[in-house]
């Protein structure tokens, strides 16, 4: 899997490693779009540090998140002219999701 950004807080990763060791996975699943993680850079780094496999990683696909929100990802994707490399358009695309869904899945890309 690829992440949107690099680990910015190594201490956070170490805390997550200890938490996963003691309590297993905590919190929402990571949101993925194909092989790109939209959320959870630090949780993913902790997971990998524990030599866990990606296929065991709790994830939900972005299109399922849009469906849960009652939105058609293809319509919204087209509205933003299929933003895949333009970061500001991609942020606008993701921010079409309702605030409660963004919070539920820890999507914070602003």
PDB file of N, CA and C in Angstrom:
ATOM      1  N   UNK A   1       0.845  -1.183   0.000  1.00  0.00           N
ATOM      2  CA  UNK A   1       0.000   0.000   0.000  1.00  0.00           C
ATOM      3  C   UNK A   1       0.888   1.243   0.000  1.00  0.00           C
ATOM      4  N   UNK A   2       0.357   2.290  -0.563  1.00  0.00           N
ATOM      5  CA  UNK A   2       1.029   3.584  -0.543  1.00  0.00           C
ATOM      6  C   UNK A   2       0.231   4.518   0.354  1.00  0.00           C
ATOM      7  N   UNK A   3       0.916   5.466   0.973  1.00  0.00           N
ATOM      8  CA  UNK A   3       0.250   6.437   1.832  1.00  0.00           C
ATOM      9  C   UNK A   3       0.311   7.815   1.200  1.00  0.00           C
ATOM     10  N   UNK A   4      -0.609   8.694   1.599  1.00  0.00           N
ATOM     11  CA  UNK A   4      -0.648  10.043   1.035  1.00  0.00           C
ATOM     12  C   UNK A   4       0.561  10.870   1.426  1.00  0.00           C
ATOM     13  N   UNK A   5       1.101  10.600   2.599  1.00  0.00           N
ATOM     14  CA  UNK A   5       2.289  11.331   3.045  1.00  0.00           C
ATOM     15  C   UNK A   5       3.155  10.408   3.884  1.00  0.00           C
ATOM     16  N   UNK A   6       4.347  10.875   4.190  1.00  0.00           N
ATOM     17  CA  UNK A   6       5.274  10.093   4.996  1.00  0.00           C
ATOM     18  C   UNK A   6       4.903  10.207   6.482  1.00  0.00           C
ATOM     19  N   UNK A   7       5.504   9.353   7.294  1.00  0.00           N
ATOM     20  CA  UNK A   7       5.320   9.437   8.747  1.00  0.00           C
ATOM     21  C   UNK A   7       5.902  10.758   9.214  1.00  0.00           C
ATOM     22  N   UNK A   8       5.092  11.525   9.912  1.00  0.00           N
ATOM     23  CA  UNK A   8       5.528  12.838  10.384  1.00  0.00           C
ATOM     24  C   UNK A   8       5.851  12.841  11.871  1.00  0.00           C
ATOM     25  N   UNK A   9       5.397  11.798  12.580  1.00  0.00           N
ATOM     26  CA  UNK A   9       5.584  11.736  14.027  1.00  0.00           C
ATOM     27  C   UNK A   9       5.973  10.319  14.434  1.00  0.00           C
ATOM     28  N   UNK A  10       7.288  10.003  14.422  1.00  0.00           N
ATOM     29  CA  UNK A  10       7.735   8.654  14.771  1.00  0.00           C
ATOM     30  C   UNK A  10       7.301   8.223  16.179  1.00  0.00           C
ATOM     31  N   UNK A  11       7.205   9.160  17.114  1.00  0.00           N
ATOM     32  CA  UNK A  11       6.764   8.819  18.472  1.00  0.00           C
ATOM     33  C   UNK A  11       5.327   8.305  18.457  1.00  0.00           C
ATOM     34  N   UNK A  12       4.493   8.879  17.592  1.00  0.00           N
ATOM     35  CA  UNK A  12       3.109   8.419  17.463  1.00  0.00           C
ATOM     36  C   UNK A  12       3.079   6.978  16.968  1.00  0.00           C
ATOM     37  N   UNK A  13       3.951   6.656  16.027  1.00  0.00           N
ATOM     38  CA  UNK A  13       4.021   5.288  15.503  1.00  0.00           C
ATOM     39  C   UNK A  13       4.384   4.328  16.622  1.00  0.00           C
ATOM     40  N   UNK A  14       5.361   4.691  17.441  1.00  0.00           N
ATOM     41  CA  UNK A  14       5.777   3.813  18.539  1.00  0.00           C
ATOM     42  C   UNK A  14       4.647   3.600  19.543  1.00  0.00           C
ATOM     43  N   UNK A  15       3.874   4.644  19.843  1.00  0.00           N
ATOM     44  CA  UNK A  15       2.721   4.501  20.736  1.00  0.00           C
ATOM     45  C   UNK A  15       1.682   3.564  20.125  1.00  0.00           C
ATOM     46  N   UNK A  16       1.476   3.697  18.833  1.00  0.00           N
ATOM     47  CA  UNK A  16       0.523   2.829  18.144  1.00  0.00           C
ATOM     48  C   UNK A  16       0.997   1.383  18.124  1.00  0.00           C
ATOM     49  N   UNK A  17       2.296   1.169  17.965  1.00  0.00           N
ATOM     50  CA  UNK A  17       2.850  -0.187  18.005  1.00  0.00           C
ATOM     51  C   UNK A  17       2.519  -0.825  19.345  1.00  0.00           C
ATOM     52  N   UNK A  18       2.774  -0.102  20.420  1.00  0.00           N
ATOM     53  CA  UNK A  18       2.490  -0.634  21.757  1.00  0.00           C
ATOM     54  C   UNK A  18       0.998  -0.882  21.955  1.00  0.00           C
ATOM     55  N   UNK A  19       0.181   0.031  21.459  1.00  0.00           N
ATOM     56  CA  UNK A  19      -1.264  -0.128  21.586  1.00  0.00           C
ATOM     57  C   UNK A  19      -1.759  -1.362  20.834  1.00  0.00           C
ATOM     58  N   UNK A  20      -1.271  -1.564  19.623  1.00  0.00           N
ATOM     59  CA  UNK A  20      -1.684  -2.723  18.832  1.00  0.00           C
ATOM     60  C   UNK A  20      -1.209  -4.008  19.492  1.00  0.00           C
ATOM     61  N   UNK A  21      -0.002  -3.992  20.042  1.00  0.00           N
ATOM     62  CA  UNK A  21       0.505  -5.174  20.742  1.00  0.00           C
ATOM     63  C   UNK A  21      -0.404  -5.543  21.911  1.00  0.00           C
ATOM     64  N   UNK A  22      -0.821  -4.542  22.666  1.00  0.00           N
ATOM     65  CA  UNK A  22      -1.604  -4.778  23.879  1.00  0.00           C
ATOM     66  C   UNK A  22      -3.090  -4.993  23.616  1.00  0.00           C
ATOM     67  N   UNK A  23      -3.643  -4.235  22.671  1.00  0.00           N
ATOM     68  CA  UNK A  23      -5.094  -4.209  22.507  1.00  0.00           C
ATOM     69  C   UNK A  23      -5.592  -4.638  21.139  1.00  0.00           C
ATOM     70  N   UNK A  24      -4.696  -4.960  20.234  1.00  0.00           N
ATOM     71  CA  UNK A  24      -5.107  -5.224  18.866  1.00  0.00           C
ATOM     72  C   UNK A  24      -5.464  -3.913  18.179  1.00  0.00           C
ATOM     73  N   UNK A  25      -6.057  -4.022  17.021  1.00  0.00           N
ATOM     74  CA  UNK A  25      -6.428  -2.831  16.243  1.00  0.00           C
ATOM     75  C   UNK A  25      -7.501  -2.047  16.983  1.00  0.00           C
ATOM     76  N   UNK A  26      -7.314  -0.757  17.117  1.00  0.00           N
ATOM     77  CA  UNK A  26      -8.293   0.124  17.737  1.00  0.00           C
ATOM     78  C   UNK A  26      -8.689   1.191  16.726  1.00  0.00           C
ATOM     79  N   UNK A  27      -9.914   1.617  16.777  1.00  0.00           N
ATOM     80  CA  UNK A  27     -10.351   2.701  15.903  1.00  0.00           C
ATOM     81  C   UNK A  27     -10.912   2.207  14.593  1.00  0.00           C
ATOM     82  N   UNK A  28     -11.235   3.165  13.737  1.00  0.00           N
ATOM     83  CA  UNK A  28     -11.876   2.822  12.467  1.00  0.00           C
ATOM     84  C   UNK A  28     -10.905   2.153  11.503  1.00  0.00           C
ATOM     85  N   UNK A  29     -11.449   1.485  10.496  1.00  0.00           N
ATOM     86  CA  UNK A  29     -10.566   0.924   9.472  1.00  0.00           C
ATOM     87  C   UNK A  29      -9.927   2.057   8.671  1.00  0.00           C
ATOM     88  N   UNK A  30      -8.827   1.740   8.040  1.00  0.00           N
ATOM     89  CA  UNK A  30      -8.188   2.711   7.159  1.00  0.00           C
ATOM     90  C   UNK A  30      -8.994   2.800   5.866  1.00  0.00           C
ATOM     91  N   UNK A  31      -9.053   3.981   5.293  1.00  0.00           N
ATOM     92  CA  UNK A  31      -9.766   4.179   4.037  1.00  0.00           C
ATOM     93  C   UNK A  31      -8.751   4.050   2.902  1.00  0.00           C
ATOM     94  N   UNK A  32      -9.049   3.158   1.969  1.00  0.00           N
ATOM     95  CA  UNK A  32      -8.154   2.919   0.836  1.00  0.00           C
ATOM     96  C   UNK A  32      -8.876   3.227  -0.462  1.00  0.00           C
ATOM     97  N   UNK A  33      -8.099   3.661  -1.418  1.00  0.00           N
ATOM     98  CA  UNK A  33      -8.592   3.849  -2.780  1.00  0.00           C
ATOM     99  C   UNK A  33      -7.652   3.062  -3.667  1.00  0.00           C
ATOM    100  N   UNK A  34      -8.034   1.830  -3.945  1.00  0.00           N
ATOM    101  CA  UNK A  34      -7.112   0.922  -4.624  1.00  0.00           C
ATOM    102  C   UNK A  34      -5.972   0.596  -3.678  1.00  0.00           C
ATOM    103  N   UNK A  35      -4.735   0.847  -4.115  1.00  0.00           N
ATOM    104  CA  UNK A  35      -3.589   0.580  -3.241  1.00  0.00           C
ATOM    105  C   UNK A  35      -3.093   1.841  -2.528  1.00  0.00           C
ATOM    106  N   UNK A  36      -3.879   2.914  -2.589  1.00  0.00           N
ATOM    107  CA  UNK A  36      -3.530   4.191  -1.945  1.00  0.00           C
ATOM    108  C   UNK A  36      -4.338   4.355  -0.663  1.00  0.00           C
ATOM    109  N   UNK A  37      -3.661   4.519   0.474  1.00  0.00           N
ATOM    110  CA  UNK A  37      -4.363   4.792   1.720  1.00  0.00           C
ATOM    111  C   UNK A  37      -4.696   6.274   1.799  1.00  0.00           C
ATOM    112  N   UNK A  38      -5.945   6.576   2.106  1.00  0.00           N
ATOM    113  CA  UNK A  38      -6.402   7.956   2.262  1.00  0.00           C
ATOM    114  C   UNK A  38      -6.235   8.387   3.715  1.00  0.00           C
ATOM    115  N   UNK A  39      -6.301   7.435   4.641  1.00  0.00           N
ATOM    116  CA  UNK A  39      -6.136   7.709   6.068  1.00  0.00           C
ATOM    117  C   UNK A  39      -5.106   6.754   6.657  1.00  0.00           C
ATOM    118  N   UNK A  40      -4.593   7.110   7.835  1.00  0.00           N
ATOM    119  CA  UNK A  40      -3.859   6.162   8.658  1.00  0.00           C
ATOM    120  C   UNK A  40      -2.398   5.928   8.367  1.00  0.00           C
ATOM    121  N   UNK A  41      -1.668   6.935   7.930  1.00  0.00           N
ATOM    122  CA  UNK A  41      -0.244   6.756   7.662  1.00  0.00           C
ATOM    123  C   UNK A  41       0.485   6.196   8.884  1.00  0.00           C
ATOM    124  N   UNK A  42       0.204   6.754  10.045  1.00  0.00           N
ATOM    125  CA  UNK A  42       0.905   6.318  11.259  1.00  0.00           C
ATOM    126  C   UNK A  42       0.439   4.932  11.718  1.00  0.00           C
ATOM    127  N   UNK A  43      -0.866   4.674  11.624  1.00  0.00           N
ATOM    128  CA  UNK A  43      -1.364   3.347  11.997  1.00  0.00           C
ATOM    129  C   UNK A  43      -0.813   2.288  11.046  1.00  0.00           C
ATOM    130  N   UNK A  44      -0.716   2.631   9.768  1.00  0.00           N
ATOM    131  CA  UNK A  44      -0.166   1.691   8.789  1.00  0.00           C
ATOM    132  C   UNK A  44       1.307   1.419   9.083  1.00  0.00           C
ATOM    133  N   UNK A  45       2.058   2.461   9.404  1.00  0.00           N
ATOM    134  CA  UNK A  45       3.481   2.287   9.725  1.00  0.00           C
ATOM    135  C   UNK A  45       3.643   1.393  10.962  1.00  0.00           C
ATOM    136  N   UNK A  46       2.790   1.576  11.957  1.00  0.00           N
ATOM    137  CA  UNK A  46       2.846   0.741  13.158  1.00  0.00           C
ATOM    138  C   UNK A  46       2.521  -0.710  12.798  1.00  0.00           C
ATOM    139  N   UNK A  47       1.511  -0.904  11.978  1.00  0.00           N
ATOM    140  CA  UNK A  47       1.095  -2.237  11.535  1.00  0.00           C
ATOM    141  C   UNK A  47       2.252  -2.954  10.855  1.00  0.00           C
ATOM    142  N   UNK A  48       2.904  -2.237   9.961  1.00  0.00           N
ATOM    143  CA  UNK A  48       4.020  -2.822   9.212  1.00  0.00           C
ATOM    144  C   UNK A  48       5.228  -3.069  10.126  1.00  0.00           C
ATOM    145  N   UNK A  49       5.434  -2.190  11.105  1.00  0.00           N
ATOM    146  CA  UNK A  49       6.540  -2.381  12.044  1.00  0.00           C
ATOM    147  C   UNK A  49       6.359  -3.681  12.840  1.00  0.00           C
ATOM    148  N   UNK A  50       5.123  -4.078  13.024  1.00  0.00           N
ATOM    149  CA  UNK A  50       4.823  -5.324  13.725  1.00  0.00           C
ATOM    150  C   UNK A  50       4.830  -6.531  12.783  1.00  0.00           C
ATOM    151  N   UNK A  51       5.300  -6.297  11.550  1.00  0.00           N
ATOM    152  CA  UNK A  51       5.384  -7.344  10.526  1.00  0.00           C
ATOM    153  C   UNK A  51       4.033  -7.981  10.215  1.00  0.00           C
ATOM    154  N   UNK A  52       2.986  -7.175  10.304  1.00  0.00           N
ATOM    155  CA  UNK A  52       1.654  -7.647   9.936  1.00  0.00           C
ATOM    156  C   UNK A  52       1.483  -7.493   8.427  1.00  0.00           C
ATOM    157  N   UNK A  53       0.608  -8.283   7.869  1.00  0.00           N
ATOM    158  CA  UNK A  53       0.387  -8.279   6.423  1.00  0.00           C
ATOM    159  C   UNK A  53      -0.714  -7.294   6.041  1.00  0.00           C
ATOM    160  N   UNK A  54      -0.558  -6.701   4.858  1.00  0.00           N
ATOM    161  CA  UNK A  54      -1.569  -5.759   4.369  1.00  0.00           C
ATOM    162  C   UNK A  54      -2.946  -6.401   4.272  1.00  0.00           C
ATOM    163  N   UNK A  55      -3.015  -7.680   3.888  1.00  0.00           N
ATOM    164  CA  UNK A  55      -4.325  -8.303   3.723  1.00  0.00           C
ATOM    165  C   UNK A  55      -5.059  -8.484   5.052  1.00  0.00           C
ATOM    166  N   UNK A  56      -4.352  -8.360   6.185  1.00  0.00           N
ATOM    167  CA  UNK A  56      -4.995  -8.413   7.499  1.00  0.00           C
ATOM    168  C   UNK A  56      -5.353  -7.021   8.031  1.00  0.00           C
ATOM    169  N   UNK A  57      -4.993  -6.005   7.294  1.00  0.00           N
ATOM    170  CA  UNK A  57      -5.205  -4.624   7.715  1.00  0.00           C
ATOM    171  C   UNK A  57      -6.684  -4.256   7.604  1.00  0.00           C
ATOM    172  N   UNK A  58      -7.274  -3.769   8.685  1.00  0.00           N
ATOM    173  CA  UNK A  58      -8.684  -3.350   8.596  1.00  0.00           C
ATOM    174  C   UNK A  58      -8.829  -2.137   7.671  1.00  0.00           C
ATOM    175  N   UNK A  59      -9.470  -2.346   6.532  1.00  0.00           N
ATOM    176  CA  UNK A  59      -9.648  -1.253   5.570  1.00  0.00           C
ATOM    177  C   UNK A  59     -11.073  -1.242   5.041  1.00  0.00           C
ATOM    178  N   UNK A  60     -11.438  -0.093   4.522  1.00  0.00           N
ATOM    179  CA  UNK A  60     -12.682   0.068   3.789  1.00  0.00           C
ATOM    180  C   UNK A  60     -12.334   0.852   2.530  1.00  0.00           C
ATOM    181  N   UNK A  61     -12.929   0.481   1.434  1.00  0.00           N
ATOM    182  CA  UNK A  61     -12.663   1.165   0.168  1.00  0.00           C
ATOM    183  C   UNK A  61     -13.404   2.507   0.123  1.00  0.00           C
ATOM    184  N   UNK A  62     -12.779   3.486  -0.501  1.00  0.00           N
ATOM    185  CA  UNK A  62     -13.349   4.822  -0.594  1.00  0.00           C
ATOM    186  C   UNK A  62     -14.726   4.802  -1.247  1.00  0.00           C
ATOM    187  N   UNK A  63     -14.911   3.964  -2.261  1.00  0.00           N
ATOM    188  CA  UNK A  63     -16.234   3.929  -2.900  1.00  0.00           C
ATOM    189  C   UNK A  63     -17.297   3.422  -1.933  1.00  0.00           C
ATOM    190  N   UNK A  64     -16.934   2.536  -1.004  1.00  0.00           N
ATOM    191  CA  UNK A  64     -17.884   2.084   0.013  1.00  0.00           C
ATOM    192  C   UNK A  64     -18.203   3.196   1.010  1.00  0.00           C
ATOM    193  N   UNK A  65     -17.232   4.048   1.283  1.00  0.00           N
ATOM    194  CA  UNK A  65     -17.462   5.194   2.168  1.00  0.00           C
ATOM    195  C   UNK A  65     -18.448   6.163   1.509  1.00  0.00           C
ATOM    196  N   UNK A  66     -18.260   6.421   0.215  1.00  0.00           N
ATOM    197  CA  UNK A  66     -19.194   7.290  -0.506  1.00  0.00           C
ATOM    198  C   UNK A  66     -20.593   6.676  -0.526  1.00  0.00           C
ATOM    199  N   UNK A  67     -20.670   5.365  -0.755  1.00  0.00           N
ATOM    200  CA  UNK A  67     -21.963   4.681  -0.754  1.00  0.00           C
ATOM    201  C   UNK A  67     -22.631   4.813   0.611  1.00  0.00           C
ATOM    202  N   UNK A  68     -21.868   4.606   1.674  1.00  0.00           N
ATOM    203  CA  UNK A  68     -22.413   4.747   3.032  1.00  0.00           C
ATOM    204  C   UNK A  68     -22.983   6.146   3.246  1.00  0.00           C
ATOM    205  N   UNK A  69     -22.344   7.139   2.637  1.00  0.00           N
ATOM    206  CA  UNK A  69     -22.801   8.524   2.757  1.00  0.00           C
ATOM    207  C   UNK A  69     -23.984   8.823   1.838  1.00  0.00           C
ATOM    208  N   UNK A  70     -24.384   7.844   1.016  1.00  0.00           N
ATOM    209  CA  UNK A  70     -25.487   8.054   0.086  1.00  0.00           C
ATOM    210  C   UNK A  70     -25.082   8.834  -1.142  1.00  0.00           C
ATOM    211  N   UNK A  71     -23.799   8.800  -1.480  1.00  0.00           N
ATOM    212  CA  UNK A  71     -23.271   9.546  -2.626  1.00  0.00           C
ATOM    213  C   UNK A  71     -22.757   8.588  -3.691  1.00  0.00           C
ATOM    214  N   UNK A  72     -22.861   8.999  -4.936  1.00  0.00           N
ATOM    215  CA  UNK A  72     -22.337   8.219  -6.050  1.00  0.00           C
ATOM    216  C   UNK A  72     -20.933   8.721  -6.351  1.00  0.00           C
ATOM    217  N   UNK A  73     -19.930   7.914  -6.025  1.00  0.00           N
ATOM    218  CA  UNK A  73     -18.536   8.331  -6.197  1.00  0.00           C
ATOM    219  C   UNK A  73     -18.233   8.675  -7.654  1.00  0.00           C
ATOM    220  N   UNK A  74     -18.845   7.975  -8.595  1.00  0.00           N
ATOM    221  CA  UNK A  74     -18.565   8.246 -10.007  1.00  0.00           C
ATOM    222  C   UNK A  74     -19.087   9.616 -10.430  1.00  0.00           C
ATOM    223  N   UNK A  75     -20.271   9.995  -9.952  1.00  0.00           N
ATOM    224  CA  UNK A  75     -20.805  11.324 -10.266  1.00  0.00           C
ATOM    225  C   UNK A  75     -19.918  12.420  -9.689  1.00  0.00           C
ATOM    226  N   UNK A  76     -19.505  12.233  -8.457  1.00  0.00           N
ATOM    227  CA  UNK A  76     -18.673  13.261  -7.813  1.00  0.00           C
ATOM    228  C   UNK A  76     -17.287  13.285  -8.429  1.00  0.00           C
ATOM    229  N   UNK A  77     -16.782  12.119  -8.763  1.00  0.00           N
ATOM    230  CA  UNK A  77     -15.488  12.053  -9.438  1.00  0.00           C
ATOM    231  C   UNK A  77     -15.544  12.831 -10.755  1.00  0.00           C
ATOM    232  N   UNK A  78     -16.598  12.634 -11.517  1.00  0.00           N
ATOM    233  CA  UNK A  78     -16.761  13.344 -12.789  1.00  0.00           C
ATOM    234  C   UNK A  78     -16.916  14.849 -12.568  1.00  0.00           C
ATOM    235  N   UNK A  79     -17.618  15.226 -11.509  1.00  0.00           N
ATOM    236  CA  UNK A  79     -17.806  16.648 -11.183  1.00  0.00           C
ATOM    237  C   UNK A  79     -16.465  17.361 -11.049  1.00  0.00           C
ATOM    238  N   UNK A  80     -15.478  16.665 -10.515  1.00  0.00           N
ATOM    239  CA  UNK A  80     -14.144  17.253 -10.337  1.00  0.00           C
ATOM    240  C   UNK A  80     -13.187  16.828 -11.433  1.00  0.00           C
ATOM    241  N   UNK A  81     -13.732  16.376 -12.530  1.00  0.00           N
ATOM    242  CA  UNK A  81     -12.951  16.003 -13.706  1.00  0.00           C
ATOM    243  C   UNK A  81     -11.887  14.956 -13.366  1.00  0.00           C
ATOM    244  N   UNK A  82     -12.281  13.967 -12.564  1.00  0.00           N
ATOM    245  CA  UNK A  82     -11.433  12.844 -12.209  1.00  0.00           C
ATOM    246  C   UNK A  82     -10.076  13.279 -11.647  1.00  0.00           C
ATOM    247  N   UNK A  83     -10.111  13.952 -10.492  1.00  0.00           N
ATOM    248  CA  UNK A  83      -8.857  14.461  -9.912  1.00  0.00           C
ATOM    249  C   UNK A  83      -7.994  13.332  -9.370  1.00  0.00           C
ATOM    250  N   UNK A  84      -6.883  13.111  -9.995  1.00  0.00           N
ATOM    251  CA  UNK A  84      -5.979  12.095  -9.478  1.00  0.00           C
ATOM    252  C   UNK A  84      -4.604  12.681  -9.192  1.00  0.00           C
ATOM    253  N   UNK A  85      -4.243  13.746  -9.869  1.00  0.00           N
ATOM    254  CA  UNK A  85      -2.930  14.341  -9.624  1.00  0.00           C
ATOM    255  C   UNK A  85      -3.025  15.765  -9.087  1.00  0.00           C
ATOM    256  N   UNK A  86      -4.146  16.417  -9.226  1.00  0.00           N
ATOM    257  CA  UNK A  86      -4.321  17.776  -8.719  1.00  0.00           C
ATOM    258  C   UNK A  86      -4.785  17.697  -7.268  1.00  0.00           C
ATOM    259  N   UNK A  87      -3.870  18.004  -6.356  1.00  0.00           N
ATOM    260  CA  UNK A  87      -4.158  17.823  -4.930  1.00  0.00           C
ATOM    261  C   UNK A  87      -5.344  18.645  -4.451  1.00  0.00           C
ATOM    262  N   UNK A  88      -5.461  19.901  -4.884  1.00  0.00           N
ATOM    263  CA  UNK A  88      -6.564  20.731  -4.399  1.00  0.00           C
ATOM    264  C   UNK A  88      -7.911  20.197  -4.881  1.00  0.00           C
ATOM    265  N   UNK A  89      -7.976  19.714  -6.121  1.00  0.00           N
ATOM    266  CA  UNK A  89      -9.218  19.124  -6.617  1.00  0.00           C
ATOM    267  C   UNK A  89      -9.528  17.820  -5.893  1.00  0.00           C
ATOM    268  N   UNK A  90      -8.492  17.042  -5.595  1.00  0.00           N
ATOM    269  CA  UNK A  90      -8.708  15.796  -4.868  1.00  0.00           C
ATOM    270  C   UNK A  90      -9.262  16.072  -3.474  1.00  0.00           C
ATOM    271  N   UNK A  91      -8.733  17.097  -2.812  1.00  0.00           N
ATOM    272  CA  UNK A  91      -9.244  17.476  -1.489  1.00  0.00           C
ATOM    273  C   UNK A  91     -10.712  17.869  -1.597  1.00  0.00           C
ATOM    274  N   UNK A  92     -11.062  18.681  -2.585  1.00  0.00           N
ATOM    275  CA  UNK A  92     -12.458  19.079  -2.786  1.00  0.00           C
ATOM    276  C   UNK A  92     -13.346  17.862  -3.037  1.00  0.00           C
ATOM    277  N   UNK A  93     -12.841  16.920  -3.820  1.00  0.00           N
ATOM    278  CA  UNK A  93     -13.557  15.675  -4.111  1.00  0.00           C
ATOM    279  C   UNK A  93     -13.864  14.914  -2.819  1.00  0.00           C
ATOM    280  N   UNK A  94     -12.869  14.746  -1.970  1.00  0.00           N
ATOM    281  CA  UNK A  94     -13.042  14.020  -0.704  1.00  0.00           C
ATOM    282  C   UNK A  94     -13.965  14.794   0.232  1.00  0.00           C
ATOM    283  N   UNK A  95     -13.870  16.118   0.213  1.00  0.00           N
ATOM    284  CA  UNK A  95     -14.676  16.930   1.130  1.00  0.00           C
ATOM    285  C   UNK A  95     -16.148  16.992   0.732  1.00  0.00           C
ATOM    286  N   UNK A  96     -16.524  16.320  -0.338  1.00  0.00           N
ATOM    287  CA  UNK A  96     -17.945  16.145  -0.661  1.00  0.00           C
ATOM    288  C   UNK A  96     -18.615  15.223   0.359  1.00  0.00           C
ATOM    289  N   UNK A  97     -17.803  14.428   1.047  1.00  0.00           N
ATOM    290  CA  UNK A  97     -18.346  13.535   2.074  1.00  0.00           C
ATOM    291  C   UNK A  97     -18.854  14.360   3.252  1.00  0.00           C
ATOM    292  N   UNK A  98     -19.962  13.940   3.863  1.00  0.00           N
ATOM    293  CA  UNK A  98     -20.492  14.666   5.025  1.00  0.00           C
ATOM    294  C   UNK A  98     -19.504  14.630   6.198  1.00  0.00           C
ATOM    295  N   UNK A  99     -19.554  15.646   7.010  1.00  0.00           N
ATOM    296  CA  UNK A  99     -18.642  15.784   8.146  1.00  0.00           C
ATOM    297  C   UNK A  99     -18.655  14.547   9.049  1.00  0.00           C
ATOM    298  N   UNK A 100     -19.844  13.978   9.297  1.00  0.00           N
ATOM    299  CA  UNK A 100     -19.908  12.818  10.199  1.00  0.00           C
ATOM    300  C   UNK A 100     -19.180  11.604   9.614  1.00  0.00           C
ATOM    301  N   UNK A 101     -19.165  11.470   8.307  1.00  0.00           N
ATOM    302  CA  UNK A 101     -18.427  10.374   7.663  1.00  0.00           C
ATOM    303  C   UNK A 101     -16.931  10.653   7.732  1.00  0.00           C
ATOM    304  N   UNK A 102     -16.550  11.908   7.481  1.00  0.00           N
ATOM    305  CA  UNK A 102     -15.131  12.274   7.592  1.00  0.00           C
ATOM    306  C   UNK A 102     -14.614  11.968   8.993  1.00  0.00           C
ATOM    307  N   UNK A 103     -15.394  12.317   9.994  1.00  0.00           N
ATOM    308  CA  UNK A 103     -15.001  12.065  11.386  1.00  0.00           C
ATOM    309  C   UNK A 103     -14.977  10.575  11.695  1.00  0.00           C
ATOM    310  N   UNK A 104     -15.999   9.863  11.256  1.00  0.00           N
ATOM    311  CA  UNK A 104     -16.087   8.424  11.537  1.00  0.00           C
ATOM    312  C   UNK A 104     -14.855   7.675  11.076  1.00  0.00           C
ATOM    313  N   UNK A 105     -14.350   8.022   9.911  1.00  0.00           N
ATOM    314  CA  UNK A 105     -13.213   7.314   9.335  1.00  0.00           C
ATOM    315  C   UNK A 105     -11.883   8.055   9.486  1.00  0.00           C
ATOM    316  N   UNK A 106     -11.903   9.164  10.217  1.00  0.00           N
ATOM    317  CA  UNK A 106     -10.659   9.896  10.460  1.00  0.00           C
ATOM    318  C   UNK A 106     -10.056  10.484   9.206  1.00  0.00           C
ATOM    319  N   UNK A 107     -10.910  10.911   8.295  1.00  0.00           N
ATOM    320  CA  UNK A 107     -10.420  11.510   7.046  1.00  0.00           C
ATOM    321  C   UNK A 107     -10.183  12.984   7.290  1.00  0.00           C
ATOM    322  N   UNK A 108      -8.924  13.363   7.363  1.00  0.00           N
ATOM    323  CA  UNK A 108      -8.543  14.750   7.625  1.00  0.00           C
ATOM    324  C   UNK A 108      -7.468  15.127   6.621  1.00  0.00           C
ATOM    325  N   UNK A 109      -7.885  15.628   5.478  1.00  0.00           N
ATOM    326  CA  UNK A 109      -6.913  15.933   4.421  1.00  0.00           C
ATOM    327  C   UNK A 109      -6.837  17.430   4.114  1.00  0.00           C
ATOM    328  N   UNK A 110      -7.398  18.224   4.984  1.00  0.00           N
ATOM    329  CA  UNK A 110      -7.387  19.682   4.767  1.00  0.00           C
ATOM    330  C   UNK A 110      -6.036  20.263   5.013  1.00  0.00           C
TER     331      UNK A 110
END
